[in-house]
Amino acid sequence: QTIINILILVEMVLVSMMAQSAYRTPIQVQVDEVNKDKEIT
């Protein structure tokens, strides 16, 4: 069980990184555009 759970811990780190990449969209580009509009204003 120790070996299996160590493997799961390594995999969860990789999945967390993948989820971080997946959840970058769709809002960030829209917020950046809003911030640019505010700066121009």
PDB file of all heavy atoms in Angstrom:
ATOM      1  N   GLN A   1       0.814  -1.206   0.000  1.00  0.00           N
ATOM      2  CA  GLN A   1       0.000   0.000   0.000  1.00  0.00           C
ATOM      3  C   GLN A   1       0.854   1.265   0.000  1.00  0.00           C
ATOM      4  O   GLN A   1       0.460   2.277  -0.586  1.00  0.00           O
ATOM      5  CB  GLN A   1      -0.931  -0.008   1.216  1.00  0.00           C
ATOM      6  CG  GLN A   1      -2.034  -1.030   1.111  1.00  0.00           C
ATOM      7  CD  GLN A   1      -3.047  -0.912   2.233  1.00  0.00           C
ATOM      8  OE1 GLN A   1      -2.810  -0.211   3.204  1.00  0.00           O
ATOM      9  NE2 GLN A   1      -4.156  -1.603   2.095  1.00  0.00           N
ATOM     10  N   THR A   2       2.004   1.210   0.636  1.00  0.00           N
ATOM     11  CA  THR A   2       2.901   2.366   0.621  1.00  0.00           C
ATOM     12  C   THR A   2       3.376   2.670  -0.794  1.00  0.00           C
ATOM     13  O   THR A   2       3.367   3.830  -1.234  1.00  0.00           O
ATOM     14  CB  THR A   2       4.109   2.115   1.536  1.00  0.00           C
ATOM     15  OG1 THR A   2       3.658   1.867   2.875  1.00  0.00           O
ATOM     16  CG2 THR A   2       5.048   3.308   1.539  1.00  0.00           C
ATOM     17  N   ILE A   3       3.769   1.650  -1.532  1.00  0.00           N
ATOM     18  CA  ILE A   3       4.239   1.836  -2.910  1.00  0.00           C
ATOM     19  C   ILE A   3       3.113   2.388  -3.789  1.00  0.00           C
ATOM     20  O   ILE A   3       3.319   3.326  -4.575  1.00  0.00           O
ATOM     21  CB  ILE A   3       4.765   0.496  -3.466  1.00  0.00           C
ATOM     22  CG1 ILE A   3       6.051   0.085  -2.735  1.00  0.00           C
ATOM     23  CG2 ILE A   3       5.027   0.593  -4.968  1.00  0.00           C
ATOM     24  CD1 ILE A   3       6.531  -1.306  -3.078  1.00  0.00           C
ATOM     25  N   ILE A   4       1.918   1.821  -3.669  1.00  0.00           N
ATOM     26  CA  ILE A   4       0.789   2.276  -4.493  1.00  0.00           C
ATOM     27  C   ILE A   4       0.461   3.736  -4.206  1.00  0.00           C
ATOM     28  O   ILE A   4       0.240   4.536  -5.128  1.00  0.00           O
ATOM     29  CB  ILE A   4      -0.438   1.381  -4.255  1.00  0.00           C
ATOM     30  CG1 ILE A   4      -0.177  -0.047  -4.748  1.00  0.00           C
ATOM     31  CG2 ILE A   4      -1.665   1.945  -4.966  1.00  0.00           C
ATOM     32  CD1 ILE A   4      -1.275  -1.034  -4.413  1.00  0.00           C
ATOM     33  N   ASN A   5       0.457   4.115  -2.948  1.00  0.00           N
ATOM     34  CA  ASN A   5       0.081   5.490  -2.598  1.00  0.00           C
ATOM     35  C   ASN A   5       1.168   6.492  -2.940  1.00  0.00           C
ATOM     36  O   ASN A   5       0.857   7.643  -3.273  1.00  0.00           O
ATOM     37  CB  ASN A   5      -0.271   5.563  -1.111  1.00  0.00           C
ATOM     38  CG  ASN A   5      -1.627   4.975  -0.803  1.00  0.00           C
ATOM     39  OD1 ASN A   5      -2.657   5.574  -1.085  1.00  0.00           O
ATOM     40  ND2 ASN A   5      -1.647   3.777  -0.244  1.00  0.00           N
ATOM     41  N   ILE A   6       2.425   6.090  -2.895  1.00  0.00           N
ATOM     42  CA  ILE A   6       3.499   6.972  -3.378  1.00  0.00           C
ATOM     43  C   ILE A   6       3.319   7.234  -4.871  1.00  0.00           C
ATOM     44  O   ILE A   6       3.470   8.373  -5.350  1.00  0.00           O
ATOM     45  CB  ILE A   6       4.885   6.347  -3.111  1.00  0.00           C
ATOM     46  CG1 ILE A   6       5.218   6.394  -1.615  1.00  0.00           C
ATOM     47  CG2 ILE A   6       5.964   7.062  -3.906  1.00  0.00           C
ATOM     48  CD1 ILE A   6       5.501   7.778  -1.092  1.00  0.00           C
ATOM     49  N   LEU A   7       2.975   6.184  -5.614  1.00  0.00           N
ATOM     50  CA  LEU A   7       2.725   6.344  -7.041  1.00  0.00           C
ATOM     51  C   LEU A   7       1.548   7.279  -7.293  1.00  0.00           C
ATOM     52  O   LEU A   7       1.606   8.154  -8.180  1.00  0.00           O
ATOM     53  CB  LEU A   7       2.461   4.975  -7.675  1.00  0.00           C
ATOM     54  CG  LEU A   7       2.162   4.951  -9.178  1.00  0.00           C
ATOM     55  CD1 LEU A   7       3.337   5.517  -9.962  1.00  0.00           C
ATOM     56  CD2 LEU A   7       1.861   3.527  -9.639  1.00  0.00           C
ATOM     57  N   ILE A   8       0.476   7.141  -6.513  1.00  0.00           N
ATOM     58  CA  ILE A   8      -0.685   8.028  -6.665  1.00  0.00           C
ATOM     59  C   ILE A   8      -0.308   9.468  -6.356  1.00  0.00           C
ATOM     60  O   ILE A   8      -0.745  10.408  -7.038  1.00  0.00           O
ATOM     61  CB  ILE A   8      -1.832   7.546  -5.762  1.00  0.00           C
ATOM     62  CG1 ILE A   8      -2.424   6.248  -6.309  1.00  0.00           C
ATOM     63  CG2 ILE A   8      -2.935   8.609  -5.654  1.00  0.00           C
ATOM     64  CD1 ILE A   8      -3.502   5.647  -5.440  1.00  0.00           C
ATOM     65  N   LEU A   9       0.529   9.686  -5.362  1.00  0.00           N
ATOM     66  CA  LEU A   9       0.961  11.043  -5.012  1.00  0.00           C
ATOM     67  C   LEU A   9       1.740  11.690  -6.155  1.00  0.00           C
ATOM     68  O   LEU A   9       1.537  12.865  -6.470  1.00  0.00           O
ATOM     69  CB  LEU A   9       1.816  11.007  -3.745  1.00  0.00           C
ATOM     70  CG  LEU A   9       1.048  10.831  -2.433  1.00  0.00           C
ATOM     71  CD1 LEU A   9       1.998  10.476  -1.304  1.00  0.00           C
ATOM     72  CD2 LEU A   9       0.278  12.092  -2.095  1.00  0.00           C
ATOM     73  N   VAL A  10       2.631  10.927  -6.782  1.00  0.00           N
ATOM     74  CA  VAL A  10       3.376  11.456  -7.932  1.00  0.00           C
ATOM     75  C   VAL A  10       2.425  11.796  -9.061  1.00  0.00           C
ATOM     76  O   VAL A  10       2.517  12.860  -9.699  1.00  0.00           O
ATOM     77  CB  VAL A  10       4.435  10.434  -8.397  1.00  0.00           C
ATOM     78  CG1 VAL A  10       5.111  10.903  -9.683  1.00  0.00           C
ATOM     79  CG2 VAL A  10       5.482  10.214  -7.317  1.00  0.00           C
ATOM     80  N   GLU A  11       1.480  10.900  -9.327  1.00  0.00           N
ATOM     81  CA  GLU A  11       0.528  11.124 -10.416  1.00  0.00           C
ATOM     82  C   GLU A  11      -0.384  12.314 -10.137  1.00  0.00           C
ATOM     83  O   GLU A  11      -0.730  13.066 -11.051  1.00  0.00           O
ATOM     84  CB  GLU A  11      -0.296   9.854 -10.633  1.00  0.00           C
ATOM     85  CG  GLU A  11       0.511   8.698 -11.187  1.00  0.00           C
ATOM     86  CD  GLU A  11      -0.198   7.373 -11.084  1.00  0.00           C
ATOM     87  OE1 GLU A  11      -1.179   7.277 -10.311  1.00  0.00           O
ATOM     88  OE2 GLU A  11       0.218   6.410 -11.757  1.00  0.00           O
ATOM     89  N   MET A  12      -0.776  12.510  -8.871  1.00  0.00           N
ATOM     90  CA  MET A  12      -1.644  13.640  -8.551  1.00  0.00           C
ATOM     91  C   MET A  12      -0.930  14.977  -8.744  1.00  0.00           C
ATOM     92  O   MET A  12      -1.561  15.978  -9.085  1.00  0.00           O
ATOM     93  CB  MET A  12      -2.165  13.523  -7.118  1.00  0.00           C
ATOM     94  CG  MET A  12      -3.258  12.497  -6.935  1.00  0.00           C
ATOM     95  SD  MET A  12      -4.706  12.794  -7.981  1.00  0.00           S
ATOM     96  CE  MET A  12      -4.525  11.466  -9.184  1.00  0.00           C
ATOM     97  N   VAL A  13       0.382  15.012  -8.530  1.00  0.00           N
ATOM     98  CA  VAL A  13       1.147  16.234  -8.820  1.00  0.00           C
ATOM     99  C   VAL A  13       1.081  16.542 -10.317  1.00  0.00           C
ATOM    100  O   VAL A  13       0.840  17.691 -10.724  1.00  0.00           O
ATOM    101  CB  VAL A  13       2.608  16.083  -8.357  1.00  0.00           C
ATOM    102  CG1 VAL A  13       3.463  17.240  -8.876  1.00  0.00           C
ATOM    103  CG2 VAL A  13       2.693  16.029  -6.843  1.00  0.00           C
ATOM    104  N   LEU A  14       1.254  15.516 -11.140  1.00  0.00           N
ATOM    105  CA  LEU A  14       1.203  15.714 -12.591  1.00  0.00           C
ATOM    106  C   LEU A  14      -0.206  16.098 -13.046  1.00  0.00           C
ATOM    107  O   LEU A  14      -0.364  16.969 -13.916  1.00  0.00           O
ATOM    108  CB  LEU A  14       1.659  14.435 -13.299  1.00  0.00           C
ATOM    109  CG  LEU A  14       3.086  13.971 -12.997  1.00  0.00           C
ATOM    110  CD1 LEU A  14       3.389  12.650 -13.691  1.00  0.00           C
ATOM    111  CD2 LEU A  14       4.098  15.027 -13.422  1.00  0.00           C
ATOM    112  N   VAL A  15      -1.220  15.465 -12.465  1.00  0.00           N
ATOM    113  CA  VAL A  15      -2.599  15.804 -12.834  1.00  0.00           C
ATOM    114  C   VAL A  15      -2.937  17.230 -12.400  1.00  0.00           C
ATOM    115  O   VAL A  15      -3.644  17.959 -13.104  1.00  0.00           O
ATOM    116  CB  VAL A  15      -3.587  14.790 -12.222  1.00  0.00           C
ATOM    117  CG1 VAL A  15      -5.028  15.187 -12.521  1.00  0.00           C
ATOM    118  CG2 VAL A  15      -3.328  13.394 -12.773  1.00  0.00           C
ATOM    119  N   SER A  16      -2.441  17.644 -11.238  1.00  0.00           N
ATOM    120  CA  SER A  16      -2.674  19.022 -10.776  1.00  0.00           C
ATOM    121  C   SER A  16      -2.066  20.030 -11.737  1.00  0.00           C
ATOM    122  O   SER A  16      -2.668  21.075 -12.024  1.00  0.00           O
ATOM    123  CB  SER A  16      -2.102  19.209  -9.372  1.00  0.00           C
ATOM    124  OG  SER A  16      -2.806  18.445  -8.419  1.00  0.00           O
ATOM    125  N   MET A  17      -0.889  19.717 -12.252  1.00  0.00           N
ATOM    126  CA  MET A  17      -0.255  20.600 -13.234  1.00  0.00           C
ATOM    127  C   MET A  17      -1.058  20.627 -14.529  1.00  0.00           C
ATOM    128  O   MET A  17      -1.214  21.687 -15.150  1.00  0.00           O
ATOM    129  CB  MET A  17       1.177  20.139 -13.486  1.00  0.00           C
ATOM    130  CG  MET A  17       2.079  20.245 -12.271  1.00  0.00           C
ATOM    131  SD  MET A  17       3.714  19.498 -12.514  1.00  0.00           S
ATOM    132  CE  MET A  17       4.367  20.529 -13.803  1.00  0.00           C
ATOM    133  N   MET A  18      -1.574  19.482 -14.931  1.00  0.00           N
ATOM    134  CA  MET A  18      -2.411  19.436 -16.135  1.00  0.00           C
ATOM    135  C   MET A  18      -3.700  20.219 -15.931  1.00  0.00           C
ATOM    136  O   MET A  18      -4.144  20.961 -16.826  1.00  0.00           O
ATOM    137  CB  MET A  18      -2.734  17.980 -16.495  1.00  0.00           C
ATOM    138  CG  MET A  18      -3.492  17.819 -17.803  1.00  0.00           C
ATOM    139  SD  MET A  18      -3.951  16.098 -18.123  1.00  0.00           S
ATOM    140  CE  MET A  18      -2.339  15.329 -18.193  1.00  0.00           C
ATOM    141  N   ALA A  19      -4.308  20.079 -14.752  1.00  0.00           N
ATOM    142  CA  ALA A  19      -5.529  20.827 -14.461  1.00  0.00           C
ATOM    143  C   ALA A  19      -5.250  22.327 -14.413  1.00  0.00           C
ATOM    144  O   ALA A  19      -6.080  23.130 -14.863  1.00  0.00           O
ATOM    145  CB  ALA A  19      -6.115  20.358 -13.129  1.00  0.00           C
ATOM    146  N   GLN A  20      -4.107  22.710 -13.885  1.00  0.00           N
ATOM    147  CA  GLN A  20      -3.737  24.131 -13.867  1.00  0.00           C
ATOM    148  C   GLN A  20      -3.664  24.689 -15.276  1.00  0.00           C
ATOM    149  O   GLN A  20      -4.124  25.804 -15.550  1.00  0.00           O
ATOM    150  CB  GLN A  20      -2.394  24.301 -13.158  1.00  0.00           C
ATOM    151  CG  GLN A  20      -1.970  25.741 -12.960  1.00  0.00           C
ATOM    152  CD  GLN A  20      -0.614  25.840 -12.287  1.00  0.00           C
ATOM    153  OE1 GLN A  20       0.411  25.472 -12.870  1.00  0.00           O
ATOM    154  NE2 GLN A  20      -0.591  26.322 -11.049  1.00  0.00           N
ATOM    155  N   SER A  21      -3.112  23.896 -16.191  1.00  0.00           N
ATOM    156  CA  SER A  21      -3.048  24.321 -17.588  1.00  0.00           C
ATOM    157  C   SER A  21      -4.429  24.358 -18.228  1.00  0.00           C
ATOM    158  O   SER A  21      -4.751  25.281 -18.984  1.00  0.00           O
ATOM    159  CB  SER A  21      -2.127  23.377 -18.369  1.00  0.00           C
ATOM    160  OG  SER A  21      -2.154  23.654 -19.743  1.00  0.00           O
ATOM    161  N   ALA A  22      -5.270  23.369 -17.910  1.00  0.00           N
ATOM    162  CA  ALA A  22      -6.603  23.293 -18.528  1.00  0.00           C
ATOM    163  C   ALA A  22      -7.511  24.426 -18.073  1.00  0.00           C
ATOM    164  O   ALA A  22      -8.305  24.950 -18.860  1.00  0.00           O
ATOM    165  CB  ALA A  22      -7.242  21.942 -18.214  1.00  0.00           C
ATOM    166  N   TYR A  23      -7.400  24.824 -16.822  1.00  0.00           N
ATOM    167  CA  TYR A  23      -8.315  25.839 -16.283  1.00  0.00           C
ATOM    168  C   TYR A  23      -7.785  27.261 -16.450  1.00  0.00           C
ATOM    169  O   TYR A  23      -8.329  28.192 -15.853  1.00  0.00           O
ATOM    170  CB  TYR A  23      -8.602  25.542 -14.812  1.00  0.00           C
ATOM    171  CG  TYR A  23      -9.581  24.414 -14.636  1.00  0.00           C
ATOM    172  CD1 TYR A  23      -9.149  23.087 -14.563  1.00  0.00           C
ATOM    173  CD2 TYR A  23     -10.949  24.643 -14.588  1.00  0.00           C
ATOM    174  CE1 TYR A  23     -10.037  22.041 -14.423  1.00  0.00           C
ATOM    175  CE2 TYR A  23     -11.857  23.601 -14.447  1.00  0.00           C
ATOM    176  CZ  TYR A  23     -11.393  22.312 -14.360  1.00  0.00           C
ATOM    177  OH  TYR A  23     -12.289  21.263 -14.230  1.00  0.00           O
ATOM    178  N   ARG A  24      -6.754  27.440 -17.256  1.00  0.00           N
ATOM    179  CA  ARG A  24      -6.318  28.795 -17.591  1.00  0.00           C
ATOM    180  C   ARG A  24      -7.295  29.489 -18.534  1.00  0.00           C
ATOM    181  O   ARG A  24      -7.369  30.715 -18.584  1.00  0.00           O
ATOM    182  CB  ARG A  24      -4.933  28.760 -18.235  1.00  0.00           C
ATOM    183  CG  ARG A  24      -3.810  28.511 -17.243  1.00  0.00           C
ATOM    184  CD  ARG A  24      -2.465  28.498 -17.934  1.00  0.00           C
ATOM    185  NE  ARG A  24      -1.389  28.293 -16.965  1.00  0.00           N
ATOM    186  CZ  ARG A  24      -0.109  28.184 -17.289  1.00  0.00           C
ATOM    187  NH1 ARG A  24       0.249  28.254 -18.563  1.00  0.00           N
ATOM    188  NH2 ARG A  24       0.800  28.006 -16.356  1.00  0.00           N
ATOM    189  N   THR A  25      -7.989  28.709 -19.320  1.00  0.00           N
ATOM    190  CA  THR A  25      -8.979  29.266 -20.244  1.00  0.00           C
ATOM    191  C   THR A  25     -10.368  28.972 -19.702  1.00  0.00           C
ATOM    192  O   THR A  25     -10.561  27.994 -18.961  1.00  0.00           O
ATOM    193  CB  THR A  25      -8.807  28.634 -21.629  1.00  0.00           C
ATOM    194  OG1 THR A  25      -8.874  27.205 -21.505  1.00  0.00           O
ATOM    195  CG2 THR A  25      -7.497  29.022 -22.252  1.00  0.00           C
ATOM    196  N   PRO A  26     -11.362  29.807 -20.044  1.00  0.00           N
ATOM    197  CA  PRO A  26     -11.357  30.804 -21.106  1.00  0.00           C
ATOM    198  C   PRO A  26     -11.245  32.246 -20.608  1.00  0.00           C
ATOM    199  O   PRO A  26     -11.234  33.163 -21.402  1.00  0.00           O
ATOM    200  CB  PRO A  26     -12.733  30.614 -21.728  1.00  0.00           C
ATOM    201  CG  PRO A  26     -13.593  30.293 -20.522  1.00  0.00           C
ATOM    202  CD  PRO A  26     -12.715  29.507 -19.578  1.00  0.00           C
ATOM    203  N   ILE A  27     -11.198  32.448 -19.300  1.00  0.00           N
ATOM    204  CA  ILE A  27     -11.471  33.777 -18.769  1.00  0.00           C
ATOM    205  C   ILE A  27     -10.260  34.705 -18.795  1.00  0.00           C
ATOM    206  O   ILE A  27     -10.410  35.904 -18.905  1.00  0.00           O
ATOM    207  CB  ILE A  27     -12.020  33.655 -17.327  1.00  0.00           C
ATOM    208  CG1 ILE A  27     -13.277  32.782 -17.333  1.00  0.00           C
ATOM    209  CG2 ILE A  27     -12.347  35.020 -16.740  1.00  0.00           C
ATOM    210  CD1 ILE A  27     -14.379  33.283 -18.233  1.00  0.00           C
ATOM    211  N   GLN A  28      -9.053  34.172 -18.704  1.00  0.00           N
ATOM    212  CA  GLN A  28      -7.891  35.042 -18.518  1.00  0.00           C
ATOM    213  C   GLN A  28      -7.722  36.056 -19.648  1.00  0.00           C
ATOM    214  O   GLN A  28      -7.462  37.229 -19.398  1.00  0.00           O
ATOM    215  CB  GLN A  28      -6.606  34.201 -18.400  1.00  0.00           C
ATOM    216  CG  GLN A  28      -5.370  35.073 -18.306  1.00  0.00           C
ATOM    217  CD  GLN A  28      -4.226  34.388 -17.596  1.00  0.00           C
ATOM    218  OE1 GLN A  28      -4.299  33.217 -17.285  1.00  0.00           O
ATOM    219  NE2 GLN A  28      -3.185  35.113 -17.337  1.00  0.00           N
ATOM    220  N   VAL A  29      -7.868  35.610 -20.891  1.00  0.00           N
ATOM    221  CA  VAL A  29      -7.700  36.527 -22.020  1.00  0.00           C
ATOM    222  C   VAL A  29      -8.734  37.641 -21.952  1.00  0.00           C
ATOM    223  O   VAL A  29      -8.427  38.808 -22.181  1.00  0.00           O
ATOM    224  CB  VAL A  29      -7.829  35.764 -23.358  1.00  0.00           C
ATOM    225  CG1 VAL A  29      -7.786  36.722 -24.532  1.00  0.00           C
ATOM    226  CG2 VAL A  29      -6.721  34.730 -23.465  1.00  0.00           C
ATOM    227  N   GLN A  30      -9.977  37.305 -21.585  1.00  0.00           N
ATOM    228  CA  GLN A  30     -11.031  38.312 -21.492  1.00  0.00           C
ATOM    229  C   GLN A  30     -10.717  39.329 -20.400  1.00  0.00           C
ATOM    230  O   GLN A  30     -10.880  40.521 -20.588  1.00  0.00           O
ATOM    231  CB  GLN A  30     -12.372  37.640 -21.209  1.00  0.00           C
ATOM    232  CG  GLN A  30     -12.799  36.683 -22.314  1.00  0.00           C
ATOM    233  CD  GLN A  30     -14.084  35.966 -21.967  1.00  0.00           C
ATOM    234  OE1 GLN A  30     -14.731  36.270 -20.980  1.00  0.00           O
ATOM    235  NE2 GLN A  30     -14.452  34.997 -22.795  1.00  0.00           N
ATOM    236  N   VAL A  31     -10.201  38.871 -19.250  1.00  0.00           N
ATOM    237  CA  VAL A  31      -9.879  39.780 -18.162  1.00  0.00           C
ATOM    238  C   VAL A  31      -8.724  40.689 -18.549  1.00  0.00           C
ATOM    239  O   VAL A  31      -8.726  41.887 -18.275  1.00  0.00           O
ATOM    240  CB  VAL A  31      -9.551  38.988 -16.879  1.00  0.00           C
ATOM    241  CG1 VAL A  31      -9.006  39.910 -15.806  1.00  0.00           C
ATOM    242  CG2 VAL A  31     -10.799  38.289 -16.375  1.00  0.00           C
ATOM    243  N   ASP A  32      -7.713  40.124 -19.223  1.00  0.00           N
ATOM    244  CA  ASP A  32      -6.594  40.943 -19.681  1.00  0.00           C
ATOM    245  C   ASP A  32      -7.067  42.033 -20.630  1.00  0.00           C
ATOM    246  O   ASP A  32      -6.599  43.171 -20.592  1.00  0.00           O
ATOM    247  CB  ASP A  32      -5.539  40.071 -20.365  1.00  0.00           C
ATOM    248  CG  ASP A  32      -4.805  39.186 -19.356  1.00  0.00           C
ATOM    249  OD1 ASP A  32      -4.894  39.493 -18.145  1.00  0.00           O
ATOM    250  OD2 ASP A  32      -4.165  38.207 -19.773  1.00  0.00           O
ATOM    251  N   GLU A  33      -8.013  41.676 -21.522  1.00  0.00           N
ATOM    252  CA  GLU A  33      -8.532  42.669 -22.456  1.00  0.00           C
ATOM    253  C   GLU A  33      -9.291  43.776 -21.714  1.00  0.00           C
ATOM    254  O   GLU A  33      -9.181  44.955 -22.041  1.00  0.00           O
ATOM    255  CB  GLU A  33      -9.451  41.985 -23.475  1.00  0.00           C
ATOM    256  CG  GLU A  33      -8.690  41.088 -24.455  1.00  0.00           C
ATOM    257  CD  GLU A  33      -9.635  40.348 -25.390  1.00  0.00           C
ATOM    258  OE1 GLU A  33     -10.861  40.459 -25.164  1.00  0.00           O
ATOM    259  OE2 GLU A  33      -9.156  39.669 -26.305  1.00  0.00           O
ATOM    260  N   VAL A  34     -10.037  43.385 -20.664  1.00  0.00           N
ATOM    261  CA  VAL A  34     -10.757  44.379 -19.874  1.00  0.00           C
ATOM    262  C   VAL A  34      -9.777  45.314 -19.172  1.00  0.00           C
ATOM    263  O   VAL A  34      -9.972  46.527 -19.111  1.00  0.00           O
ATOM    264  CB  VAL A  34     -11.691  43.678 -18.858  1.00  0.00           C
ATOM    265  CG1 VAL A  34     -12.280  44.700 -17.886  1.00  0.00           C
ATOM    266  CG2 VAL A  34     -12.795  42.937 -19.580  1.00  0.00           C
ATOM    267  N   ASN A  35      -8.694  44.731 -18.631  1.00  0.00           N
ATOM    268  CA  ASN A  35      -7.694  45.558 -17.956  1.00  0.00           C
ATOM    269  C   ASN A  35      -7.038  46.537 -18.923  1.00  0.00           C
ATOM    270  O   ASN A  35      -6.762  47.685 -18.585  1.00  0.00           O
ATOM    271  CB  ASN A  35      -6.630  44.662 -17.309  1.00  0.00           C
ATOM    272  CG  ASN A  35      -7.173  43.879 -16.120  1.00  0.00           C
ATOM    273  OD1 ASN A  35      -8.155  44.299 -15.506  1.00  0.00           O
ATOM    274  ND2 ASN A  35      -6.552  42.765 -15.809  1.00  0.00           N
ATOM    275  N   LYS A  36      -6.770  46.069 -20.156  1.00  0.00           N
ATOM    276  CA  LYS A  36      -6.178  46.962 -21.157  1.00  0.00           C
ATOM    277  C   LYS A  36      -7.130  48.115 -21.480  1.00  0.00           C
ATOM    278  O   LYS A  36      -6.714  49.262 -21.619  1.00  0.00           O
ATOM    279  CB  LYS A  36      -5.844  46.166 -22.434  1.00  0.00           C
ATOM    280  CG  LYS A  36      -4.669  45.229 -22.273  1.00  0.00           C
ATOM    281  CD  LYS A  36      -4.417  44.473 -23.576  1.00  0.00           C
ATOM    282  CE  LYS A  36      -3.255  43.481 -23.417  1.00  0.00           C
ATOM    283  NZ  LYS A  36      -3.004  42.727 -24.675  1.00  0.00           N
ATOM    284  N   ASP A  37      -8.433  47.791 -21.607  1.00  0.00           N
ATOM    285  CA  ASP A  37      -9.419  48.833 -21.879  1.00  0.00           C
ATOM    286  C   ASP A  37      -9.470  49.867 -20.754  1.00  0.00           C
ATOM    287  O   ASP A  37      -9.581  51.080 -20.983  1.00  0.00           O
ATOM    288  CB  ASP A  37     -10.805  48.209 -22.094  1.00  0.00           C
ATOM    289  CG  ASP A  37     -10.859  47.365 -23.357  1.00  0.00           C
ATOM    290  OD1 ASP A  37      -9.995  47.572 -24.251  1.00  0.00           O
ATOM    291  OD2 ASP A  37     -11.749  46.476 -23.446  1.00  0.00           O
ATOM    292  N   LYS A  38      -9.355  49.353 -19.495  1.00  0.00           N
ATOM    293  CA  LYS A  38      -9.370  50.269 -18.357  1.00  0.00           C
ATOM    294  C   LYS A  38      -8.143  51.188 -18.363  1.00  0.00           C
ATOM    295  O   LYS A  38      -8.226  52.370 -18.074  1.00  0.00           O
ATOM    296  CB  LYS A  38      -9.433  49.473 -17.061  1.00  0.00           C
ATOM    297  CG  LYS A  38     -10.780  48.813 -16.808  1.00  0.00           C
ATOM    298  CD  LYS A  38     -10.782  48.069 -15.475  1.00  0.00           C
ATOM    299  CE  LYS A  38     -12.134  47.443 -15.202  1.00  0.00           C
ATOM    300  NZ  LYS A  38     -12.157  46.694 -13.906  1.00  0.00           N
ATOM    301  N   GLU A  39      -6.963  50.587 -18.699  1.00  0.00           N
ATOM    302  CA  GLU A  39      -5.754  51.394 -18.754  1.00  0.00           C
ATOM    303  C   GLU A  39      -5.833  52.452 -19.836  1.00  0.00           C
ATOM    304  O   GLU A  39      -5.423  53.608 -19.654  1.00  0.00           O
ATOM    305  CB  GLU A  39      -4.537  50.479 -18.982  1.00  0.00           C
ATOM    306  CG  GLU A  39      -4.213  49.598 -17.793  1.00  0.00           C
ATOM    307  CD  GLU A  39      -3.050  48.670 -18.089  1.00  0.00           C
ATOM    308  OE1 GLU A  39      -2.503  48.761 -19.216  1.00  0.00           O
ATOM    309  OE2 GLU A  39      -2.700  47.872 -17.219  1.00  0.00           O
ATOM    310  N   ILE A  40      -6.386  52.091 -20.979  1.00  0.00           N
ATOM    311  CA  ILE A  40      -6.533  53.067 -22.080  1.00  0.00           C
ATOM    312  C   ILE A  40      -7.493  54.179 -21.653  1.00  0.00           C
ATOM    313  O   ILE A  40      -7.265  55.361 -21.941  1.00  0.00           O
ATOM    314  CB  ILE A  40      -7.037  52.356 -23.358  1.00  0.00           C
ATOM    315  CG1 ILE A  40      -5.939  51.399 -23.875  1.00  0.00           C
ATOM    316  CG2 ILE A  40      -7.401  53.365 -24.422  1.00  0.00           C
ATOM    317  CD1 ILE A  40      -6.406  50.526 -25.011  1.00  0.00           C
ATOM    318  N   THR A  41      -8.575  53.794 -20.963  1.00  0.00           N
ATOM    319  CA  THR A  41      -9.541  54.794 -20.506  1.00  0.00           C
ATOM    320  C   THR A  41      -8.908  55.754 -19.515  1.00  0.00           C
ATOM    321  O   THR A  41      -9.137  56.973 -19.558  1.00  0.00           O
ATOM    322  CB  THR A  41     -10.749  54.100 -19.859  1.00  0.00           C
ATOM    323  OG1 THR A  41     -11.311  53.173 -20.776  1.00  0.00           O
ATOM    324  CG2 THR A  41     -11.800  55.113 -19.451  1.00  0.00           C
TER     325      THR A  41
END
